[in-house]
Amino acid sequence: MKRVDAQEVLVAFAGGAAQGVAEAIGRTLRAAGLRAEVRAADEVMQVGCYQAVVLGSDAEDAAWRPEAAELLE
């Protein structure tokens, strides 16, 4: 895998199952040379300081969890 200049990526998650996936994505991004921060969606106040955001959520009644939907807005 080609290394790129370090960039800051937020990997945010909502829900228990999504947390494990987010942590795996964070490890993969770090292995590729990126700076990845993994955080719960309800702990994120702003995303403007990141070059990229990855957001995932457990599903509740075929919809994203509210905290993930709020961060997306």
C-alpha atoms as a PDB file:
ATOM      1  CA  MET A   1       0.000   0.000   0.000  1.00  0.00           C
ATOM      2  CA  LYS A   2       1.347   3.418  -0.966  1.00  0.00           C
ATOM      3  CA  ARG A   3       1.982   5.829   1.898  1.00  0.00           C
ATOM      4  CA  VAL A   4       0.563   9.334   1.667  1.00  0.00           C
ATOM      5  CA  ASP A   5       1.349  12.511   3.572  1.00  0.00           C
ATOM      6  CA  ALA A   6      -0.252  12.349   7.005  1.00  0.00           C
ATOM      7  CA  GLN A   7      -3.728  13.839   7.062  1.00  0.00           C
ATOM      8  CA  GLU A   8      -6.176  13.969   9.927  1.00  0.00           C
ATOM      9  CA  VAL A   9      -9.213  11.713   9.509  1.00  0.00           C
ATOM     10  CA  LEU A  10     -12.109  11.411  11.932  1.00  0.00           C
ATOM     11  CA  VAL A  11     -13.734   7.989  12.169  1.00  0.00           C
ATOM     12  CA  ALA A  12     -16.962   8.510  14.115  1.00  0.00           C
ATOM     13  CA  PHE A  13     -19.419   5.842  15.191  1.00  0.00           C
ATOM     14  CA  ALA A  14     -22.816   5.502  16.832  1.00  0.00           C
ATOM     15  CA  GLY A  15     -23.599   2.225  18.555  1.00  0.00           C
ATOM     16  CA  GLY A  16     -21.735  -0.772  19.872  1.00  0.00           C
ATOM     17  CA  ALA A  17     -21.398  -2.770  16.658  1.00  0.00           C
ATOM     18  CA  ALA A  18     -20.271   0.313  14.738  1.00  0.00           C
ATOM     19  CA  GLN A  19     -17.534   0.946  17.296  1.00  0.00           C
ATOM     20  CA  GLY A  20     -15.651  -2.226  16.385  1.00  0.00           C
ATOM     21  CA  VAL A  21     -15.858  -1.410  12.697  1.00  0.00           C
ATOM     22  CA  ALA A  22     -14.701   2.175  13.349  1.00  0.00           C
ATOM     23  CA  GLU A  23     -11.711   0.958  15.350  1.00  0.00           C
ATOM     24  CA  ALA A  24     -10.715  -1.418  12.531  1.00  0.00           C
ATOM     25  CA  ILE A  25     -11.011   1.402   9.979  1.00  0.00           C
ATOM     26  CA  GLY A  26      -8.895   3.641  12.231  1.00  0.00           C
ATOM     27  CA  ARG A  27      -6.160   0.994  12.463  1.00  0.00           C
ATOM     28  CA  THR A  28      -6.174   0.548   8.679  1.00  0.00           C
ATOM     29  CA  LEU A  29      -5.909   4.296   8.059  1.00  0.00           C
ATOM     30  CA  ARG A  30      -3.044   4.593  10.544  1.00  0.00           C
ATOM     31  CA  ALA A  31      -1.232   1.696   8.867  1.00  0.00           C
ATOM     32  CA  ALA A  32      -1.537   3.650   5.610  1.00  0.00           C
ATOM     33  CA  GLY A  33       0.220   6.627   7.223  1.00  0.00           C
ATOM     34  CA  LEU A  34      -2.807   8.773   8.058  1.00  0.00           C
ATOM     35  CA  ARG A  35      -3.612  10.257  11.446  1.00  0.00           C
ATOM     36  CA  ALA A  36      -6.968   8.767  12.368  1.00  0.00           C
ATOM     37  CA  GLU A  37      -9.000   9.655  15.428  1.00  0.00           C
ATOM     38  CA  VAL A  38     -11.813   7.267  16.400  1.00  0.00           C
ATOM     39  CA  ARG A  39     -14.603   8.870  18.470  1.00  0.00           C
ATOM     40  CA  ALA A  40     -18.231   8.333  19.371  1.00  0.00           C
ATOM     41  CA  ALA A  41     -20.477  10.562  17.250  1.00  0.00           C
ATOM     42  CA  ASP A  42     -22.073  12.171  20.312  1.00  0.00           C
ATOM     43  CA  GLU A  43     -18.612  13.317  21.502  1.00  0.00           C
ATOM     44  CA  VAL A  44     -17.768  15.179  18.273  1.00  0.00           C
ATOM     45  CA  MET A  45     -18.391  18.919  18.463  1.00  0.00           C
ATOM     46  CA  GLN A  46     -16.970  19.952  15.078  1.00  0.00           C
ATOM     47  CA  VAL A  47     -15.474  18.326  12.002  1.00  0.00           C
ATOM     48  CA  GLY A  48     -13.856  21.328  10.309  1.00  0.00           C
ATOM     49  CA  CYS A  49     -10.372  20.465  11.558  1.00  0.00           C
ATOM     50  CA  TYR A  50     -10.353  17.116   9.694  1.00  0.00           C
ATOM     51  CA  GLN A  51      -9.509  16.543   6.044  1.00  0.00           C
ATOM     52  CA  ALA A  52     -11.955  13.616   5.919  1.00  0.00           C
ATOM     53  CA  VAL A  53     -14.709  12.079   8.017  1.00  0.00           C
ATOM     54  CA  VAL A  54     -15.893   8.467   8.055  1.00  0.00           C
ATOM     55  CA  LEU A  55     -19.225   8.039   9.860  1.00  0.00           C
ATOM     56  CA  GLY A  56     -20.938   4.775  10.701  1.00  0.00           C
ATOM     57  CA  SER A  57     -23.935   3.778  12.755  1.00  0.00           C
ATOM     58  CA  ASP A  58     -25.827   0.814  14.060  1.00  0.00           C
ATOM     59  CA  ALA A  59     -29.322   0.667  12.566  1.00  0.00           C
ATOM     60  CA  GLU A  60     -32.446   1.235  14.643  1.00  0.00           C
ATOM     61  CA  ASP A  61     -35.750   0.523  12.884  1.00  0.00           C
ATOM     62  CA  ALA A  62     -33.945   0.631   9.507  1.00  0.00           C
ATOM     63  CA  ALA A  63     -32.457   4.083  10.267  1.00  0.00           C
ATOM     64  CA  TRP A  64     -29.210   5.491  11.623  1.00  0.00           C
ATOM     65  CA  ARG A  65     -28.996   6.220  15.319  1.00  0.00           C
ATOM     66  CA  PRO A  66     -29.975   9.832  16.148  1.00  0.00           C
ATOM     67  CA  GLU A  67     -26.468  10.884  17.218  1.00  0.00           C
ATOM     68  CA  ALA A  68     -25.039   9.797  13.856  1.00  0.00           C
ATOM     69  CA  ALA A  69     -27.793  11.568  11.914  1.00  0.00           C
ATOM     70  CA  GLU A  70     -27.200  14.769  13.924  1.00  0.00           C
ATOM     71  CA  LEU A  71     -23.464  14.713  13.186  1.00  0.00           C
ATOM     72  CA  LEU A  72     -24.156  14.170   9.502  1.00  0.00           C
ATOM     73  CA  GLU A  73     -26.335  17.278   9.374  1.00  0.00           C
END
